[in-house]
Amino acid sequence: MNRPDTSKPVLRTLAAAGCLALCLCSAAGAAEEPRYFSSKAVGTTTADFLNLPVGARAAAMGGAYSAVAEEASAVYWNPAGLVQIPKLSAVFMRAQYLEEISYQYAAYAHRLSYDSVLAGSVLLTDIGSIDQTDISGNKLGTFTPRDQVFTLSYSKAILEFSDKDIDVSIGVSAKYIKSTIVGSAKSYAGDIGIMTYNFGDIPYRLAVTATNIGGGLRYDTESNPLPLTFKLGAAANPFRNMLFSTDVVFPKQNKPNVLLGTELATAPNELTRFCVRAGLNTQQMNDGLTGLSFGLGATLHFFSLDYAFVPMGELGSTHRISLTFDFPFRSPVFQRRDRTIFTKMKGISFK
């Protein structure tokens, strides 16, 4: 039996969430210096490692992923997307960043029931060894800055807002953050996300997220705020194997910007996919970097191997490689026979 049409309440909910994000940005921007959510706020927040993109697929698509996230890395991008996993999902990523900087990410998600998923992740950075000197320039030794982020997420489909044409999910995350330079600082934060799945002639998804909601980090006597960020995301599948996505980003430490991403896939059979990806980050372009990103991906049965190449102008180039495991085979949500995000524990249907 079909549920009554609830698309209008859902759209009103998304619109209200978006308006709330804009109001918060405006209110913060109206405060005294530093004027948050503007170019005057650059350098006023700490823990920028919280903004390092995870997952090679997402990085290749320019970070325009809040309305796409559909495997374990949704813990980072939008916890509402976790309900798209099959029975379980895991992702492991290594990123070679600029100079000697590298970072690793791992996440695991497990379906509790057909409408709820529990997940966790860990992010570790390695900045490399740095010489420690006194005010006169005398070398005192070396130190190795490191950062750690542990996240626990829960995602649930909202049955009351779902019917034969639309599904809705919500997700929340709790984070423990530890950063070490010479001394250490600790903090706690949270994320929240909403996603809608619209099964029409041109299937599309909409998303609203708020990340890094919490107190700041204090290394000495002064506490600096975390990089609170709001995002409005959308993704569409105009053709079966083509995906376009965009995120409008409102970062506390900078002015709003736009991310764009695309993915083109080919599927020789039901259990194999090959993808090429590209993305554009307007914030990086404004900062004098290229803003472009590229990547490749291959899926064979339960495993996906993805690579992303992100040039950053004179700073150099970055590389990311990730391995994703989905069991059973994860079919893209808009290609499932049931036309729904709800997945039975015994398996998943696909065309």
Protein backbone atom coordinates (compact mmCIF):
# COMPACT_ATOMS: atom_id res chain seq x y z
CA MET A 1 0.00 0.00 0.00
CA ASN A 2 1.39 3.39 -0.98
CA ARG A 3 1.78 6.08 1.62
CA PRO A 4 0.17 9.48 1.02
CA ASP A 5 2.17 12.08 -0.90
CA THR A 6 4.59 13.73 1.54
CA SER A 7 6.97 15.40 -0.89
CA LYS A 8 5.75 18.91 -0.03
CA PRO A 9 6.47 18.57 3.72
CA VAL A 10 9.88 17.15 2.88
CA LEU A 11 10.73 20.01 0.56
CA ARG A 12 9.52 22.47 3.19
CA THR A 13 11.79 20.76 5.73
CA LEU A 14 14.80 21.07 3.41
CA ALA A 15 13.95 24.67 2.62
CA ALA A 16 13.65 25.48 6.33
CA ALA A 17 16.98 23.83 7.04
CA GLY A 18 18.61 25.78 4.24
CA CYS A 19 17.11 29.05 5.45
CA LEU A 20 18.35 28.30 8.97
CA ALA A 21 21.88 27.80 7.64
CA LEU A 22 21.70 31.08 5.75
CA CYS A 23 20.35 32.92 8.79
CA LEU A 24 23.10 31.57 11.00
CA CYS A 25 25.68 32.63 8.43
CA SER A 26 24.16 36.12 8.22
CA ALA A 27 23.97 36.48 11.99
CA ALA A 28 27.56 35.41 12.42
CA GLY A 29 28.67 37.66 9.60
CA ALA A 30 26.99 40.65 11.28
CA ALA A 31 29.09 40.21 14.42
CA GLU A 32 32.19 42.21 15.20
CA GLU A 33 35.55 41.31 13.69
CA PRO A 34 36.47 38.71 12.76
CA ARG A 35 33.46 38.62 10.46
CA TYR A 36 32.74 34.92 10.08
CA PHE A 37 31.42 33.40 6.84
CA SER A 38 33.30 36.02 4.83
CA SER A 39 36.76 36.50 3.34
CA LYS A 40 37.70 38.47 6.48
CA ALA A 41 37.47 35.27 8.53
CA VAL A 42 40.37 33.49 6.82
CA GLY A 43 42.70 32.07 9.47
CA THR A 44 40.29 32.61 12.38
CA THR A 45 39.39 28.94 12.94
CA THR A 46 41.55 26.02 13.96
CA ALA A 47 41.62 22.29 13.16
CA ASP A 48 41.66 22.76 9.41
CA PHE A 49 42.43 19.05 9.12
CA LEU A 50 38.69 18.55 9.66
CA ASN A 51 38.25 19.90 6.12
CA LEU A 52 40.61 17.41 4.45
CA PRO A 53 38.45 15.46 1.97
CA VAL A 54 38.27 11.70 2.47
CA GLY A 55 37.66 9.03 -0.14
CA ALA A 56 39.26 9.18 -3.58
CA ARG A 57 35.90 9.20 -5.34
CA ALA A 58 34.72 12.29 -3.46
CA ALA A 59 38.06 14.08 -3.90
CA ALA A 60 38.02 13.43 -7.65
CA MET A 61 34.54 14.98 -7.82
CA GLY A 62 35.79 18.20 -6.24
CA GLY A 63 34.25 17.45 -2.85
CA ALA A 64 30.72 17.91 -4.24
CA TYR A 65 29.59 14.85 -2.33
CA SER A 66 27.08 15.73 0.40
CA ALA A 67 24.18 14.59 -1.82
CA VAL A 68 26.12 11.61 -3.23
CA ALA A 69 27.71 9.89 -0.19
CA GLU A 70 26.45 6.32 -0.29
CA GLU A 71 29.08 4.15 1.41
CA ALA A 72 30.98 4.20 4.70
CA SER A 73 32.67 7.55 3.92
CA ALA A 74 29.24 9.16 4.38
CA VAL A 75 30.29 9.36 8.03
CA TYR A 76 32.40 12.32 6.90
CA TRP A 77 30.35 13.81 4.06
CA ASN A 78 26.75 13.36 5.21
CA PRO A 79 25.73 10.76 7.80
CA ALA A 80 22.22 10.70 6.30
CA GLY A 81 23.68 8.89 3.28
CA LEU A 82 24.65 5.84 5.33
CA VAL A 83 21.20 4.30 4.86
CA GLN A 84 22.16 3.55 1.24
CA ILE A 85 24.70 0.86 2.17
CA PRO A 86 23.86 -2.83 1.73
CA LYS A 87 24.46 -5.02 4.80
CA LEU A 88 27.89 -3.55 5.57
CA SER A 89 30.40 -1.16 4.06
CA ALA A 90 34.03 -0.30 4.80
CA VAL A 91 36.47 2.19 3.26
CA PHE A 92 40.22 2.63 3.66
CA MET A 93 42.06 5.62 2.22
CA ARG A 94 45.59 7.00 2.14
CA ALA A 95 46.33 10.50 0.92
CA GLN A 96 49.72 11.86 0.01
CA TYR A 97 49.23 15.57 0.59
CA LEU A 98 51.66 18.44 0.13
CA GLU A 99 55.36 18.07 1.00
CA GLU A 100 55.71 15.41 3.73
CA ILE A 101 52.08 15.66 4.88
CA SER A 102 49.95 12.54 4.61
CA TYR A 103 46.74 11.33 6.19
CA GLN A 104 44.78 8.11 6.49
CA TYR A 105 41.08 7.45 6.87
CA ALA A 106 39.10 4.32 7.70
CA ALA A 107 35.35 3.90 8.21
CA TYR A 108 32.98 1.01 8.79
CA ALA A 109 29.17 1.00 8.55
CA HIS A 110 26.79 -1.79 9.53
CA ARG A 111 23.07 -2.07 8.88
CA LEU A 112 21.07 -2.57 12.07
CA SER A 113 17.72 -2.92 10.33
CA TYR A 114 16.23 -2.10 6.94
CA ASP A 115 15.91 1.57 7.95
CA SER A 116 18.89 2.26 10.28
CA VAL A 117 22.69 2.10 10.10
CA LEU A 118 25.46 2.52 12.68
CA ALA A 119 28.97 3.55 11.62
CA GLY A 120 32.33 4.72 12.91
CA SER A 121 35.49 6.22 11.45
CA VAL A 122 38.99 7.40 12.28
CA LEU A 123 41.09 10.09 10.60
CA LEU A 124 44.84 10.34 11.30
CA THR A 125 47.23 12.96 9.96
CA ASP A 126 51.02 12.95 9.85
CA ILE A 127 52.62 16.36 9.28
CA GLY A 128 56.20 15.10 9.38
CA SER A 129 59.10 16.18 11.55
CA ILE A 130 59.66 19.91 12.22
CA ASP A 131 62.67 21.56 13.84
CA GLN A 132 61.99 23.19 17.21
CA THR A 133 63.88 26.40 17.95
CA ASP A 134 63.93 29.09 20.64
CA ILE A 135 63.38 32.80 20.04
CA SER A 136 67.04 33.18 19.11
CA GLY A 137 66.83 30.50 16.43
CA ASN A 138 68.78 27.90 18.38
CA LYS A 139 67.67 24.37 17.58
CA LEU A 140 66.14 22.56 20.55
CA GLY A 141 65.21 19.34 18.76
CA THR A 142 62.26 18.26 16.62
CA PHE A 143 58.55 17.73 17.06
CA THR A 144 55.97 15.83 15.00
CA PRO A 145 52.45 17.33 14.79
CA ARG A 146 49.65 14.78 14.55
CA ASP A 147 45.85 14.94 14.53
CA GLN A 148 43.22 12.35 15.35
CA VAL A 149 39.46 12.39 14.76
CA PHE A 150 37.20 9.57 15.95
CA THR A 151 33.57 9.66 14.78
CA LEU A 152 30.47 7.64 15.66
CA SER A 153 27.44 8.02 13.37
CA TYR A 154 23.83 6.88 13.26
CA SER A 155 21.55 7.16 10.25
CA LYS A 156 17.86 6.42 9.93
CA ALA A 157 15.31 6.56 7.12
CA ILE A 158 12.26 8.68 7.96
CA LEU A 159 9.32 6.42 7.14
CA GLU A 160 6.74 9.14 7.79
CA PHE A 161 8.18 11.26 4.95
CA SER A 162 8.73 8.39 2.49
CA ASP A 163 6.43 7.06 -0.20
CA LYS A 164 6.66 5.39 -3.63
CA ASP A 165 8.31 8.45 -5.19
CA ILE A 166 10.53 9.85 -2.46
CA ASP A 167 12.62 8.63 0.46
CA VAL A 168 14.09 10.73 3.26
CA SER A 169 16.90 9.99 5.69
CA ILE A 170 18.63 11.79 8.54
CA GLY A 171 21.99 11.19 10.17
CA VAL A 172 23.93 12.45 13.17
CA SER A 173 27.57 12.12 14.18
CA ALA A 174 29.60 12.69 17.35
CA LYS A 175 33.33 13.45 17.09
CA TYR A 176 36.28 13.29 19.44
CA ILE A 177 39.10 15.51 18.20
CA LYS A 178 42.70 15.50 19.41
CA SER A 179 45.44 17.64 17.94
CA THR A 180 49.10 17.65 18.93
CA ILE A 181 51.66 20.24 17.85
CA VAL A 182 54.12 20.54 20.75
CA GLY A 183 51.33 20.56 23.30
CA SER A 184 47.97 18.87 22.81
CA ALA A 185 44.38 20.06 22.58
CA LYS A 186 41.10 18.14 22.67
CA SER A 187 37.54 18.93 21.70
CA TYR A 188 34.16 17.40 20.85
CA ALA A 189 31.92 18.20 17.90
CA GLY A 190 28.88 16.94 16.03
CA ASP A 191 27.48 16.73 12.50
CA ILE A 192 23.93 16.47 11.24
CA GLY A 193 22.63 15.78 7.75
CA ILE A 194 19.38 15.32 5.83
CA MET A 195 19.02 13.73 2.40
CA THR A 196 16.06 13.17 0.09
CA TYR A 197 15.92 10.66 -2.77
CA ASN A 198 13.53 11.53 -5.55
CA PHE A 199 12.62 8.68 -7.93
CA GLY A 200 11.34 10.56 -10.97
CA ASP A 201 12.07 10.51 -14.69
CA ILE A 202 15.37 12.22 -13.83
CA PRO A 203 16.28 10.88 -10.38
CA TYR A 204 17.91 13.39 -8.04
CA ARG A 205 19.01 13.83 -4.45
CA LEU A 206 19.01 16.88 -2.19
CA ALA A 207 21.04 17.34 0.98
CA VAL A 208 21.58 19.73 3.87
CA THR A 209 24.48 19.30 6.28
CA ALA A 210 26.00 21.11 9.24
CA THR A 211 29.44 19.86 10.30
CA ASN A 212 31.91 20.57 13.11
CA ILE A 213 29.33 21.95 15.51
CA GLY A 214 31.11 22.30 18.84
CA GLY A 215 33.67 24.08 20.96
CA GLY A 216 37.14 25.09 19.91
CA LEU A 217 40.64 23.78 20.51
CA ARG A 218 42.87 25.37 23.15
CA TYR A 219 46.59 24.62 22.90
CA ASP A 220 47.63 27.22 25.48
CA THR A 221 45.42 29.90 27.02
CA GLU A 222 43.20 30.92 24.09
CA SER A 223 40.56 28.74 22.46
CA ASN A 224 39.99 28.99 18.70
CA PRO A 225 36.72 27.86 17.06
CA LEU A 226 36.32 24.78 14.91
CA PRO A 227 35.65 25.21 11.16
CA LEU A 228 31.85 25.06 11.32
CA THR A 229 30.46 24.47 7.82
CA PHE A 230 26.98 24.40 6.28
CA LYS A 231 26.31 22.79 2.90
CA LEU A 232 23.39 22.65 0.51
CA GLY A 233 23.89 19.79 -1.95
CA ALA A 234 22.20 18.33 -5.00
CA ALA A 235 22.96 15.41 -7.31
CA ALA A 236 21.16 14.20 -10.42
CA ASN A 237 21.35 11.16 -12.71
CA PRO A 238 20.11 12.44 -16.10
CA PHE A 239 21.24 9.14 -17.62
CA ARG A 240 21.72 5.71 -16.10
CA ASN A 241 25.53 5.92 -15.87
CA MET A 242 26.03 9.67 -15.59
CA LEU A 243 26.06 11.67 -12.35
CA PHE A 244 26.27 15.42 -11.76
CA SER A 245 26.62 16.93 -8.29
CA THR A 246 27.04 20.32 -6.68
CA ASP A 247 27.51 21.71 -3.18
CA VAL A 248 27.01 25.30 -2.06
CA VAL A 249 29.36 25.65 0.92
CA PHE A 250 29.12 28.17 3.76
CA PRO A 251 32.37 27.86 5.77
CA LYS A 252 32.79 29.79 8.99
CA GLN A 253 36.37 30.64 8.05
CA ASN A 254 35.72 31.99 4.55
CA LYS A 255 33.13 33.30 2.12
CA PRO A 256 30.57 30.94 0.48
CA ASN A 257 31.78 28.91 -2.47
CA VAL A 258 30.56 26.28 -4.93
CA LEU A 259 31.79 22.76 -5.65
CA LEU A 260 30.98 20.86 -8.84
CA GLY A 261 31.49 17.21 -9.67
CA THR A 262 30.70 14.69 -12.37
CA GLU A 263 31.06 10.96 -12.88
CA LEU A 264 30.70 8.88 -16.03
CA ALA A 265 30.48 5.10 -15.63
CA THR A 266 30.32 2.05 -17.81
CA ALA A 267 29.04 -1.32 -16.62
CA PRO A 268 30.11 -4.38 -18.66
CA ASN A 269 27.90 -6.49 -16.39
CA GLU A 270 25.81 -6.19 -13.23
CA LEU A 271 28.77 -6.65 -10.87
CA THR A 272 31.42 -4.57 -12.65
CA ARG A 273 31.73 -0.80 -13.13
CA PHE A 274 34.45 1.52 -14.44
CA CYS A 275 34.31 5.27 -13.82
CA VAL A 276 36.02 8.51 -14.79
CA ARG A 277 35.49 11.59 -12.64
CA ALA A 278 36.22 15.31 -12.56
CA GLY A 279 35.52 18.18 -10.20
CA LEU A 280 35.84 21.92 -9.68
CA ASN A 281 36.44 23.76 -6.39
CA THR A 282 35.79 27.50 -6.76
CA GLN A 283 37.34 28.27 -3.37
CA GLN A 284 40.68 26.88 -4.49
CA MET A 285 40.39 28.84 -7.72
CA ASN A 286 39.86 32.04 -5.74
CA ASP A 287 42.94 31.19 -3.67
CA GLY A 288 45.09 31.01 -6.79
CA LEU A 289 45.11 27.22 -7.07
CA THR A 290 43.87 25.22 -10.03
CA GLY A 291 40.62 24.12 -8.38
CA LEU A 292 40.42 21.10 -10.68
CA SER A 293 40.44 17.42 -9.74
CA PHE A 294 40.37 14.16 -11.66
CA GLY A 295 40.02 10.49 -10.87
CA LEU A 296 39.35 6.93 -11.92
CA GLY A 297 37.46 4.09 -10.27
CA ALA A 298 36.77 0.41 -10.77
CA THR A 299 34.25 -1.85 -9.01
CA LEU A 300 34.42 -5.63 -9.13
CA HIS A 301 31.82 -7.48 -7.10
CA PHE A 302 32.31 -6.33 -3.49
CA PHE A 303 35.41 -4.17 -3.98
CA SER A 304 35.94 -0.69 -5.40
CA LEU A 305 39.36 0.82 -6.05
CA ASP A 306 39.45 4.60 -6.59
CA TYR A 307 42.17 7.13 -7.34
CA ALA A 308 42.11 10.94 -7.26
CA PHE A 309 44.63 13.45 -8.58
CA VAL A 310 44.24 17.00 -7.27
CA PRO A 311 46.79 19.58 -8.53
CA MET A 312 47.26 22.61 -6.26
CA GLY A 313 49.23 25.01 -8.42
CA GLU A 314 52.63 26.08 -7.14
CA LEU A 315 52.10 24.09 -3.93
CA GLY A 316 52.34 20.82 -5.83
CA SER A 317 49.95 17.94 -6.44
CA THR A 318 48.09 15.60 -4.12
CA HIS A 319 47.15 11.95 -4.60
CA ARG A 320 44.53 9.80 -2.91
CA ILE A 321 43.79 6.13 -3.24
CA SER A 322 40.98 4.32 -1.47
CA LEU A 323 39.58 0.82 -1.25
CA THR A 324 35.89 0.33 -0.53
CA PHE A 325 34.25 -2.95 0.44
CA ASP A 326 30.45 -3.32 0.18
CA PHE A 327 28.65 -6.54 1.03
CA PRO A 328 26.50 -7.65 -0.68
CA PHE A 329 27.23 -5.86 -3.95
CA ARG A 330 26.02 -2.26 -3.69
CA SER A 331 23.85 -1.25 -6.62
CA PRO A 332 23.39 2.52 -7.14
CA VAL A 333 20.22 3.53 -5.34
CA PHE A 334 18.44 4.77 -8.47
CA GLN A 335 19.12 1.47 -10.27
CA ARG A 336 17.48 -0.78 -7.68
CA ARG A 337 14.33 -2.60 -8.73
CA ASP A 338 12.53 -1.60 -5.54
CA ARG A 339 13.10 2.15 -6.19
CA THR A 340 13.88 2.74 -2.54
CA ILE A 341 16.80 3.22 -0.16
CA PHE A 342 15.34 0.60 2.18
CA THR A 343 17.46 -2.55 2.02
CA LYS A 344 16.61 -5.98 3.30
CA MET A 345 19.20 -7.57 5.56
CA LYS A 346 19.50 -10.67 3.35
CA GLY A 347 20.61 -8.87 0.24
CA ILE A 348 20.04 -6.12 -2.25
CA SER A 349 18.23 -6.12 -5.57
CA PHE A 350 19.60 -4.60 -8.76
CA LYS A 351 18.76 -4.46 -12.43
